[in-house]
Amino acid sequence: MLSGGGSLGAVQAGALHALLEAGIRPDLLVGCSVGALNATFVAVDPSIERVDPDLASVYSSTGFESFRERGPQFVQTIEALVRSRRRGLRAFLGRIDGEPAATGMLFDVRPIGGLGNGSVRPAFRGRGLQKALIAHRIRDGWRRGYRVFFGETENPVSAHNMESLGWRKLYDEVDWERAT
């Protein structure tokens, strides 16, 4: 049982990491709050890596599988953003069995961490990978000193994942566009 409590999550993560490195894998993990984040990460068993500029095209094309409705310019825009590493942007790529499966960004909006661009390729959905990426980005932000995080989504599945991890909805946003 992994309990809640902000700083306790870091202790749990370290203990779980040590167990996994020693070849000890729990048969069952149950958690609440930050404990649920850590349990999810272990259960999914993904490889999550920080994306450097060399992997920007892999990251953007992986994300495009979830955001096709945004058009082909999405790939070039995201790739340029990842390459720029502007303002503390961190991009993460989740792999399962070595294959790119999911994406997620952590934005530096000091003193707040922003989560965005979370996507999971259709072939890998339903395995808890998005929750693992949310947990990974929060842990990374926590190590960088963030104590408040925000995320935005229009996707009901993503909203459900965030709610199940203890996030709460603050407001609905309306987007406006002006025809040229």
N, C-alpha and C. Protein backbone atom coordinates (compact mmCIF):
# COMPACT_ATOMS: atom_id res chain seq x y z
N MET A 1 0.85 -1.17 0.00
CA MET A 1 0.00 0.00 0.00
C MET A 1 0.89 1.23 0.00
N LEU A 2 0.72 2.07 -1.01
CA LEU A 2 1.47 3.31 -1.11
C LEU A 2 0.52 4.45 -0.75
N SER A 3 0.79 5.11 0.35
CA SER A 3 -0.13 6.15 0.83
C SER A 3 0.17 7.49 0.17
N GLY A 4 -0.69 8.44 0.46
CA GLY A 4 -0.54 9.79 -0.07
C GLY A 4 0.35 10.63 0.82
N GLY A 5 0.57 11.86 0.37
CA GLY A 5 1.42 12.79 1.12
C GLY A 5 2.60 13.19 0.27
N GLY A 6 2.55 14.40 -0.28
CA GLY A 6 3.52 14.93 -1.25
C GLY A 6 4.94 14.41 -1.16
N SER A 7 5.66 14.74 -0.09
CA SER A 7 7.08 14.36 -0.01
C SER A 7 7.26 12.86 0.16
N LEU A 8 6.26 12.18 0.69
CA LEU A 8 6.33 10.73 0.83
C LEU A 8 6.44 10.06 -0.55
N GLY A 9 5.86 10.69 -1.56
CA GLY A 9 5.93 10.15 -2.92
C GLY A 9 7.36 10.00 -3.41
N ALA A 10 8.22 10.95 -3.07
CA ALA A 10 9.62 10.87 -3.48
C ALA A 10 10.32 9.70 -2.79
N VAL A 11 10.00 9.47 -1.53
CA VAL A 11 10.56 8.33 -0.79
C VAL A 11 10.10 7.03 -1.43
N GLN A 12 8.80 6.97 -1.74
CA GLN A 12 8.26 5.77 -2.38
C GLN A 12 8.95 5.51 -3.72
N ALA A 13 9.11 6.57 -4.52
CA ALA A 13 9.73 6.42 -5.83
C ALA A 13 11.14 5.87 -5.69
N GLY A 14 11.90 6.39 -4.73
CA GLY A 14 13.25 5.89 -4.51
C GLY A 14 13.27 4.44 -4.07
N ALA A 15 12.37 4.09 -3.16
CA ALA A 15 12.30 2.70 -2.67
C ALA A 15 11.90 1.75 -3.79
N LEU A 16 10.90 2.14 -4.58
CA LEU A 16 10.47 1.29 -5.69
C LEU A 16 11.58 1.14 -6.73
N HIS A 17 12.28 2.21 -7.00
CA HIS A 17 13.39 2.16 -7.95
C HIS A 17 14.46 1.17 -7.47
N ALA A 18 14.79 1.25 -6.19
CA ALA A 18 15.80 0.34 -5.64
C ALA A 18 15.34 -1.12 -5.73
N LEU A 19 14.06 -1.37 -5.43
CA LEU A 19 13.53 -2.74 -5.54
C LEU A 19 13.62 -3.25 -6.97
N LEU A 20 13.20 -2.43 -7.93
CA LEU A 20 13.21 -2.85 -9.33
C LEU A 20 14.63 -3.10 -9.82
N GLU A 21 15.57 -2.23 -9.42
CA GLU A 21 16.96 -2.43 -9.81
C GLU A 21 17.54 -3.71 -9.22
N ALA A 22 17.03 -4.12 -8.06
CA ALA A 22 17.50 -5.36 -7.42
C ALA A 22 16.78 -6.59 -7.97
N GLY A 23 15.88 -6.38 -8.94
CA GLY A 23 15.16 -7.49 -9.54
C GLY A 23 13.93 -7.92 -8.77
N ILE A 24 13.53 -7.12 -7.81
CA ILE A 24 12.34 -7.43 -7.02
C ILE A 24 11.17 -6.63 -7.57
N ARG A 25 10.17 -7.34 -8.04
CA ARG A 25 9.01 -6.69 -8.65
C ARG A 25 7.76 -7.05 -7.84
N PRO A 26 7.08 -6.05 -7.27
CA PRO A 26 5.87 -6.33 -6.49
C PRO A 26 4.79 -7.02 -7.33
N ASP A 27 4.08 -7.97 -6.74
CA ASP A 27 2.96 -8.62 -7.42
C ASP A 27 1.73 -7.74 -7.44
N LEU A 28 1.58 -6.91 -6.41
CA LEU A 28 0.40 -6.06 -6.29
C LEU A 28 0.79 -4.76 -5.62
N LEU A 29 0.33 -3.66 -6.20
CA LEU A 29 0.53 -2.34 -5.60
C LEU A 29 -0.81 -1.64 -5.55
N VAL A 30 -1.09 -1.01 -4.43
CA VAL A 30 -2.30 -0.23 -4.25
C VAL A 30 -1.86 1.11 -3.70
N GLY A 31 -2.46 2.18 -4.17
CA GLY A 31 -2.05 3.48 -3.68
C GLY A 31 -3.15 4.51 -3.74
N CYS A 32 -2.96 5.59 -3.00
CA CYS A 32 -3.87 6.73 -3.09
C CYS A 32 -3.03 7.99 -3.23
N SER A 33 -3.58 8.98 -3.89
CA SER A 33 -2.90 10.25 -4.13
C SER A 33 -1.55 10.00 -4.80
N VAL A 34 -0.46 10.52 -4.24
CA VAL A 34 0.84 10.33 -4.86
C VAL A 34 1.23 8.85 -4.89
N GLY A 35 0.73 8.06 -3.96
CA GLY A 35 0.98 6.62 -3.98
C GLY A 35 0.37 5.96 -5.20
N ALA A 36 -0.79 6.46 -5.64
CA ALA A 36 -1.42 5.94 -6.86
C ALA A 36 -0.58 6.27 -8.09
N LEU A 37 0.02 7.45 -8.11
CA LEU A 37 0.90 7.82 -9.22
C LEU A 37 2.08 6.86 -9.31
N ASN A 38 2.70 6.60 -8.17
CA ASN A 38 3.86 5.70 -8.15
C ASN A 38 3.46 4.26 -8.51
N ALA A 39 2.32 3.80 -8.01
CA ALA A 39 1.86 2.44 -8.32
C ALA A 39 1.57 2.30 -9.82
N THR A 40 0.95 3.33 -10.40
CA THR A 40 0.65 3.31 -11.84
C THR A 40 1.92 3.20 -12.65
N PHE A 41 2.91 3.96 -12.29
CA PHE A 41 4.17 3.95 -13.04
C PHE A 41 4.80 2.56 -13.03
N VAL A 42 4.82 1.91 -11.89
CA VAL A 42 5.42 0.58 -11.79
C VAL A 42 4.58 -0.44 -12.56
N ALA A 43 3.25 -0.32 -12.49
CA ALA A 43 2.37 -1.29 -13.14
C ALA A 43 2.53 -1.27 -14.67
N VAL A 44 2.66 -0.09 -15.23
CA VAL A 44 2.75 0.03 -16.69
C VAL A 44 4.11 -0.43 -17.19
N ASP A 45 5.15 -0.22 -16.40
CA ASP A 45 6.51 -0.61 -16.74
C ASP A 45 6.98 -0.03 -18.07
N PRO A 46 6.74 1.26 -18.28
CA PRO A 46 7.25 1.84 -19.51
C PRO A 46 8.68 2.33 -19.32
N SER A 47 9.30 2.61 -20.41
CA SER A 47 10.57 3.30 -20.39
C SER A 47 10.22 4.74 -20.76
N ILE A 48 10.51 5.70 -19.89
CA ILE A 48 10.21 7.10 -20.19
C ILE A 48 11.53 7.85 -20.20
N GLU A 49 11.77 8.55 -21.30
CA GLU A 49 13.03 9.27 -21.44
C GLU A 49 12.77 10.73 -21.78
N ARG A 50 13.68 11.57 -21.33
CA ARG A 50 13.61 12.97 -21.71
C ARG A 50 14.11 13.08 -23.14
N VAL A 51 13.40 13.84 -23.95
CA VAL A 51 13.70 13.94 -25.37
C VAL A 51 14.71 15.07 -25.59
N ASP A 52 15.81 14.73 -26.24
CA ASP A 52 16.76 15.76 -26.63
C ASP A 52 16.47 16.13 -28.09
N PRO A 53 17.11 17.17 -28.62
CA PRO A 53 16.81 17.60 -29.99
C PRO A 53 16.93 16.51 -31.04
N ASP A 54 17.79 15.52 -30.81
CA ASP A 54 17.96 14.43 -31.79
C ASP A 54 16.70 13.58 -31.94
N LEU A 55 15.86 13.54 -30.90
CA LEU A 55 14.64 12.73 -30.95
C LEU A 55 13.39 13.56 -31.22
N ALA A 56 13.56 14.83 -31.56
CA ALA A 56 12.41 15.72 -31.75
C ALA A 56 11.47 15.21 -32.84
N SER A 57 11.99 14.67 -33.92
CA SER A 57 11.11 14.19 -35.00
C SER A 57 10.36 12.93 -34.58
N VAL A 58 11.00 12.05 -33.79
CA VAL A 58 10.32 10.85 -33.28
C VAL A 58 9.19 11.27 -32.34
N TYR A 59 9.49 12.24 -31.46
CA TYR A 59 8.49 12.75 -30.52
C TYR A 59 7.29 13.33 -31.27
N SER A 60 7.54 14.22 -32.22
CA SER A 60 6.44 14.91 -32.91
C SER A 60 5.60 13.95 -33.75
N SER A 61 6.23 13.00 -34.42
CA SER A 61 5.44 12.06 -35.22
C SER A 61 4.66 11.09 -34.33
N THR A 62 5.19 10.76 -33.15
CA THR A 62 4.46 9.91 -32.20
C THR A 62 3.22 10.66 -31.72
N GLY A 63 3.38 11.92 -31.35
CA GLY A 63 2.25 12.73 -30.90
C GLY A 63 1.22 12.97 -31.99
N PHE A 64 1.66 13.06 -33.23
CA PHE A 64 0.75 13.32 -34.34
C PHE A 64 -0.31 12.24 -34.49
N GLU A 65 0.02 11.01 -34.12
CA GLU A 65 -0.97 9.93 -34.23
C GLU A 65 -2.20 10.21 -33.38
N SER A 66 -2.06 10.99 -32.31
CA SER A 66 -3.20 11.34 -31.47
C SER A 66 -3.81 12.69 -31.84
N PHE A 67 -3.09 13.50 -32.60
CA PHE A 67 -3.54 14.86 -32.90
C PHE A 67 -3.65 15.11 -34.40
N ARG A 68 -4.03 14.11 -35.17
CA ARG A 68 -4.12 14.25 -36.63
C ARG A 68 -5.05 15.38 -37.06
N GLU A 69 -6.09 15.63 -36.26
CA GLU A 69 -7.05 16.67 -36.64
C GLU A 69 -6.41 18.06 -36.65
N ARG A 70 -5.24 18.19 -36.07
CA ARG A 70 -4.56 19.49 -36.05
C ARG A 70 -3.76 19.74 -37.32
N GLY A 71 -3.76 18.76 -38.21
CA GLY A 71 -3.13 18.95 -39.51
C GLY A 71 -1.63 18.67 -39.51
N PRO A 72 -1.07 18.58 -40.73
CA PRO A 72 0.34 18.21 -40.87
C PRO A 72 1.30 19.24 -40.28
N GLN A 73 0.87 20.49 -40.14
CA GLN A 73 1.76 21.51 -39.55
C GLN A 73 2.05 21.19 -38.08
N PHE A 74 1.23 20.34 -37.45
CA PHE A 74 1.45 19.96 -36.06
C PHE A 74 2.84 19.36 -35.88
N VAL A 75 3.24 18.47 -36.79
CA VAL A 75 4.53 17.79 -36.67
C VAL A 75 5.67 18.81 -36.69
N GLN A 76 5.65 19.73 -37.64
CA GLN A 76 6.72 20.71 -37.74
C GLN A 76 6.73 21.66 -36.53
N THR A 77 5.55 22.06 -36.07
CA THR A 77 5.46 22.97 -34.94
C THR A 77 6.01 22.34 -33.68
N ILE A 78 5.57 21.12 -33.38
CA ILE A 78 6.03 20.43 -32.17
C ILE A 78 7.51 20.11 -32.26
N GLU A 79 7.96 19.68 -33.43
CA GLU A 79 9.37 19.37 -33.59
C GLU A 79 10.23 20.62 -33.34
N ALA A 80 9.82 21.75 -33.87
CA ALA A 80 10.57 23.00 -33.66
C ALA A 80 10.56 23.40 -32.18
N LEU A 81 9.42 23.21 -31.53
CA LEU A 81 9.32 23.55 -30.11
C LEU A 81 10.25 22.68 -29.27
N VAL A 82 10.27 21.39 -29.54
CA VAL A 82 11.14 20.47 -28.79
C VAL A 82 12.60 20.80 -29.05
N ARG A 83 12.94 21.09 -30.29
CA ARG A 83 14.34 21.43 -30.61
C ARG A 83 14.78 22.72 -29.92
N SER A 84 13.85 23.65 -29.76
CA SER A 84 14.20 24.96 -29.18
C SER A 84 14.52 24.88 -27.70
N ARG A 85 13.88 23.94 -26.98
CA ARG A 85 14.04 23.80 -25.53
C ARG A 85 13.81 25.13 -24.82
N ARG A 86 12.91 25.90 -25.37
CA ARG A 86 12.70 27.24 -24.81
C ARG A 86 12.09 27.21 -23.42
N ARG A 87 12.53 28.13 -22.64
CA ARG A 87 12.02 28.40 -21.30
C ARG A 87 11.85 27.15 -20.44
N GLY A 88 12.82 26.28 -20.45
CA GLY A 88 12.77 25.13 -19.57
C GLY A 88 11.82 24.03 -20.02
N LEU A 89 11.38 24.07 -21.25
CA LEU A 89 10.49 23.03 -21.77
C LEU A 89 11.19 21.67 -21.68
N ARG A 90 10.47 20.69 -21.18
CA ARG A 90 10.97 19.32 -21.16
C ARG A 90 9.94 18.44 -21.85
N ALA A 91 10.40 17.69 -22.84
CA ALA A 91 9.53 16.76 -23.54
C ALA A 91 9.95 15.34 -23.15
N PHE A 92 8.95 14.46 -22.99
CA PHE A 92 9.20 13.09 -22.57
C PHE A 92 8.54 12.13 -23.55
N LEU A 93 9.25 11.06 -23.86
CA LEU A 93 8.76 10.03 -24.77
C LEU A 93 8.65 8.73 -23.99
N GLY A 94 7.45 8.13 -24.01
CA GLY A 94 7.24 6.84 -23.37
C GLY A 94 7.36 5.74 -24.41
N ARG A 95 8.07 4.71 -24.06
CA ARG A 95 8.23 3.55 -24.96
C ARG A 95 7.74 2.30 -24.24
N ILE A 96 7.19 1.40 -25.02
CA ILE A 96 6.87 0.06 -24.52
C ILE A 96 7.58 -0.92 -25.45
N ASP A 97 8.38 -1.77 -24.85
CA ASP A 97 9.22 -2.71 -25.60
C ASP A 97 10.05 -1.99 -26.66
N GLY A 98 10.54 -0.80 -26.32
CA GLY A 98 11.41 -0.04 -27.21
C GLY A 98 10.69 0.78 -28.26
N GLU A 99 9.39 0.58 -28.42
CA GLU A 99 8.65 1.29 -29.46
C GLU A 99 8.04 2.57 -28.92
N PRO A 100 8.21 3.71 -29.62
CA PRO A 100 7.59 4.96 -29.17
C PRO A 100 6.08 4.79 -29.03
N ALA A 101 5.56 5.13 -27.85
CA ALA A 101 4.15 4.87 -27.56
C ALA A 101 3.39 6.10 -27.07
N ALA A 102 4.08 7.06 -26.44
CA ALA A 102 3.35 8.18 -25.84
C ALA A 102 4.26 9.39 -25.69
N THR A 103 3.64 10.56 -25.57
CA THR A 103 4.38 11.81 -25.41
C THR A 103 3.79 12.64 -24.28
N GLY A 104 4.58 13.55 -23.78
CA GLY A 104 4.10 14.50 -22.78
C GLY A 104 5.14 15.58 -22.54
N MET A 105 4.69 16.81 -22.32
CA MET A 105 5.60 17.93 -22.06
C MET A 105 5.38 18.49 -20.67
N LEU A 106 6.45 19.05 -20.13
CA LEU A 106 6.40 19.80 -18.88
C LEU A 106 6.91 21.19 -19.21
N PHE A 107 6.07 22.20 -18.96
CA PHE A 107 6.43 23.58 -19.27
C PHE A 107 6.82 24.31 -17.99
N ASP A 108 7.87 25.11 -18.07
CA ASP A 108 8.32 25.94 -16.96
C ASP A 108 7.53 27.24 -16.98
N VAL A 109 6.59 27.37 -16.06
CA VAL A 109 5.80 28.59 -15.91
C VAL A 109 5.97 29.02 -14.45
N ARG A 110 7.22 29.18 -14.06
CA ARG A 110 7.57 29.40 -12.66
C ARG A 110 6.66 30.38 -11.98
N PRO A 111 6.20 30.02 -10.79
CA PRO A 111 6.59 28.88 -9.95
C PRO A 111 5.72 27.65 -10.19
N ILE A 112 5.08 27.58 -11.33
CA ILE A 112 4.12 26.52 -11.62
C ILE A 112 4.65 25.66 -12.77
N GLY A 113 4.34 24.36 -12.73
CA GLY A 113 4.67 23.46 -13.82
C GLY A 113 3.42 23.18 -14.64
N GLY A 114 3.53 23.31 -15.95
CA GLY A 114 2.40 23.04 -16.84
C GLY A 114 2.59 21.74 -17.59
N LEU A 115 1.55 20.90 -17.58
CA LEU A 115 1.59 19.64 -18.32
C LEU A 115 0.81 19.81 -19.61
N GLY A 116 1.38 19.35 -20.70
CA GLY A 116 0.69 19.47 -21.98
C GLY A 116 1.18 18.46 -22.98
N ASN A 117 0.54 18.45 -24.13
CA ASN A 117 0.90 17.61 -25.27
C ASN A 117 0.95 16.14 -24.91
N GLY A 118 0.09 15.72 -23.98
CA GLY A 118 0.03 14.32 -23.60
C GLY A 118 -0.72 13.53 -24.66
N SER A 119 -0.08 12.49 -25.16
CA SER A 119 -0.73 11.66 -26.17
C SER A 119 -0.27 10.22 -26.02
N VAL A 120 -1.12 9.30 -26.44
CA VAL A 120 -0.77 7.88 -26.48
C VAL A 120 -1.21 7.35 -27.84
N ARG A 121 -0.30 6.68 -28.53
CA ARG A 121 -0.64 6.10 -29.83
C ARG A 121 -1.78 5.10 -29.65
N PRO A 122 -2.70 5.04 -30.61
CA PRO A 122 -3.87 4.16 -30.48
C PRO A 122 -3.53 2.71 -30.11
N ALA A 123 -2.48 2.16 -30.64
CA ALA A 123 -2.13 0.75 -30.36
C ALA A 123 -1.73 0.51 -28.90
N PHE A 124 -1.42 1.59 -28.16
CA PHE A 124 -0.95 1.45 -26.79
C PHE A 124 -1.94 1.99 -25.76
N ARG A 125 -3.11 2.39 -26.19
CA ARG A 125 -4.09 2.96 -25.26
C ARG A 125 -4.66 1.90 -24.34
N GLY A 126 -5.11 2.34 -23.17
CA GLY A 126 -5.74 1.45 -22.21
C GLY A 126 -4.76 0.70 -21.31
N ARG A 127 -3.49 1.05 -21.36
CA ARG A 127 -2.48 0.37 -20.56
C ARG A 127 -1.98 1.22 -19.39
N GLY A 128 -2.53 2.42 -19.21
CA GLY A 128 -2.11 3.28 -18.11
C GLY A 128 -0.88 4.12 -18.42
N LEU A 129 -0.50 4.17 -19.69
CA LEU A 129 0.71 4.89 -20.06
C LEU A 129 0.57 6.40 -19.86
N GLN A 130 -0.61 6.96 -20.16
CA GLN A 130 -0.78 8.39 -19.96
C GLN A 130 -0.66 8.75 -18.47
N LYS A 131 -1.25 7.92 -17.62
CA LYS A 131 -1.13 8.17 -16.17
C LYS A 131 0.33 8.10 -15.75
N ALA A 132 1.08 7.15 -16.29
CA ALA A 132 2.50 7.03 -15.94
C ALA A 132 3.28 8.27 -16.39
N LEU A 133 2.94 8.79 -17.57
CA LEU A 133 3.62 10.00 -18.04
C LEU A 133 3.24 11.22 -17.21
N ILE A 134 1.99 11.31 -16.78
CA ILE A 134 1.58 12.40 -15.89
C ILE A 134 2.41 12.32 -14.61
N ALA A 135 2.48 11.13 -14.02
CA ALA A 135 3.23 10.94 -12.78
C ALA A 135 4.71 11.27 -12.98
N HIS A 136 5.27 10.85 -14.09
CA HIS A 136 6.68 11.11 -14.37
C HIS A 136 6.96 12.61 -14.47
N ARG A 137 6.09 13.32 -15.18
CA ARG A 137 6.28 14.76 -15.34
C ARG A 137 6.11 15.49 -14.01
N ILE A 138 5.18 15.05 -13.19
CA ILE A 138 5.00 15.68 -11.88
C ILE A 138 6.23 15.44 -11.01
N ARG A 139 6.74 14.21 -11.01
CA ARG A 139 7.96 13.93 -10.23
C ARG A 139 9.13 14.78 -10.72
N ASP A 140 9.27 14.91 -12.04
CA ASP A 140 10.34 15.72 -12.59
C ASP A 140 10.18 17.19 -12.17
N GLY A 141 8.95 17.69 -12.26
CA GLY A 141 8.69 19.07 -11.85
C GLY A 141 8.91 19.27 -10.36
N TRP A 142 8.55 18.28 -9.56
CA TRP A 142 8.73 18.37 -8.11
C TRP A 142 10.22 18.51 -7.79
N ARG A 143 11.04 17.71 -8.48
CA ARG A 143 12.49 17.80 -8.29
C ARG A 143 13.02 19.17 -8.70
N ARG A 144 12.36 19.82 -9.65
CA ARG A 144 12.78 21.15 -10.11
C ARG A 144 12.21 22.26 -9.24
N GLY A 145 11.42 21.91 -8.23
CA GLY A 145 10.94 22.91 -7.29
C GLY A 145 9.50 23.35 -7.48
N TYR A 146 8.78 22.79 -8.46
CA TYR A 146 7.37 23.15 -8.64
C TYR A 146 6.54 22.49 -7.55
N ARG A 147 5.58 23.22 -7.02
CA ARG A 147 4.68 22.66 -6.03
C ARG A 147 3.23 22.78 -6.47
N VAL A 148 3.01 23.45 -7.59
CA VAL A 148 1.69 23.59 -8.18
C VAL A 148 1.82 23.24 -9.66
N PHE A 149 0.83 22.49 -10.17
CA PHE A 149 0.85 22.08 -11.57
C PHE A 149 -0.51 22.38 -12.20
N PHE A 150 -0.52 22.60 -13.51
CA PHE A 150 -1.78 22.72 -14.22
C PHE A 150 -1.69 21.90 -15.50
N GLY A 151 -2.83 21.50 -15.99
CA GLY A 151 -2.93 20.77 -17.24
C GLY A 151 -4.22 21.19 -17.92
N GLU A 152 -4.28 21.01 -19.22
CA GLU A 152 -5.47 21.40 -19.99
C GLU A 152 -5.77 20.28 -20.96
N THR A 153 -7.06 19.95 -21.09
CA THR A 153 -7.46 18.95 -22.07
C THR A 153 -8.91 19.14 -22.47
N GLU A 154 -9.19 18.80 -23.70
CA GLU A 154 -10.57 18.75 -24.19
C GLU A 154 -11.03 17.30 -24.29
N ASN A 155 -10.09 16.38 -24.17
CA ASN A 155 -10.35 14.96 -24.37
C ASN A 155 -10.95 14.34 -23.10
N PRO A 156 -12.14 13.72 -23.19
CA PRO A 156 -12.76 13.13 -22.00
C PRO A 156 -11.92 12.02 -21.35
N VAL A 157 -11.19 11.25 -22.14
CA VAL A 157 -10.36 10.18 -21.58
C VAL A 157 -9.21 10.80 -20.78
N SER A 158 -8.59 11.84 -21.34
CA SER A 158 -7.51 12.52 -20.62
C SER A 158 -8.03 13.16 -19.34
N ALA A 159 -9.21 13.76 -19.42
CA ALA A 159 -9.81 14.37 -18.23
C ALA A 159 -10.06 13.31 -17.16
N HIS A 160 -10.54 12.15 -17.57
CA HIS A 160 -10.76 11.05 -16.62
C HIS A 160 -9.44 10.62 -15.98
N ASN A 161 -8.38 10.50 -16.79
CA ASN A 161 -7.08 10.11 -16.25
C ASN A 161 -6.60 11.11 -15.21
N MET A 162 -6.76 12.38 -15.50
CA MET A 162 -6.32 13.41 -14.55
C MET A 162 -7.15 13.36 -13.28
N GLU A 163 -8.46 13.22 -13.42
CA GLU A 163 -9.34 13.13 -12.23
C GLU A 163 -9.01 11.91 -11.39
N SER A 164 -8.71 10.78 -12.03
CA SER A 164 -8.41 9.57 -11.27
C SER A 164 -7.08 9.67 -10.53
N LEU A 165 -6.24 10.62 -10.94
CA LEU A 165 -4.97 10.85 -10.26
C LEU A 165 -5.06 11.97 -9.22
N GLY A 166 -6.29 12.44 -8.97
CA GLY A 166 -6.48 13.43 -7.92
C GLY A 166 -6.55 14.87 -8.39
N TRP A 167 -6.51 15.10 -9.71
CA TRP A 167 -6.65 16.46 -10.23
C TRP A 167 -8.11 16.87 -10.14
N ARG A 168 -8.36 18.15 -10.04
CA ARG A 168 -9.74 18.63 -10.06
C ARG A 168 -9.90 19.71 -11.12
N LYS A 169 -11.05 19.72 -11.73
CA LYS A 169 -11.35 20.68 -12.79
C LYS A 169 -11.62 22.05 -12.16
N LEU A 170 -10.98 23.07 -12.70
CA LEU A 170 -11.18 24.42 -12.18
C LEU A 170 -12.19 25.21 -13.01
N TYR A 171 -12.13 25.09 -14.32
CA TYR A 171 -13.04 25.85 -15.18
C TYR A 171 -13.04 25.27 -16.59
N ASP A 172 -14.04 25.66 -17.36
CA ASP A 172 -14.11 25.33 -18.79
C ASP A 172 -13.56 26.51 -19.57
N GLU A 173 -12.87 26.23 -20.63
CA GLU A 173 -12.29 27.27 -21.46
C GLU A 173 -13.01 27.28 -22.81
N VAL A 174 -13.24 28.46 -23.32
CA VAL A 174 -13.84 28.62 -24.64
C VAL A 174 -12.78 29.21 -25.53
N ASP A 175 -12.51 28.59 -26.66
CA ASP A 175 -11.52 29.09 -27.60
C ASP A 175 -12.21 29.93 -28.67
N TRP A 176 -11.58 31.03 -29.05
CA TRP A 176 -12.12 31.93 -30.05
C TRP A 176 -11.18 31.98 -31.24
N GLU A 177 -11.77 32.17 -32.40
CA GLU A 177 -10.99 32.28 -33.61
C GLU A 177 -11.59 33.40 -34.45
N ARG A 178 -10.73 34.17 -35.08
CA ARG A 178 -11.19 35.25 -35.95
C ARG A 178 -10.87 34.87 -37.39
N ALA A 179 -11.88 34.83 -38.23
CA ALA A 179 -11.68 34.51 -39.64
C ALA A 179 -10.94 35.66 -40.30
N THR A 180 -9.98 35.31 -41.17
CA THR A 180 -9.22 36.38 -41.84
C THR A 180 -9.78 36.70 -43.20
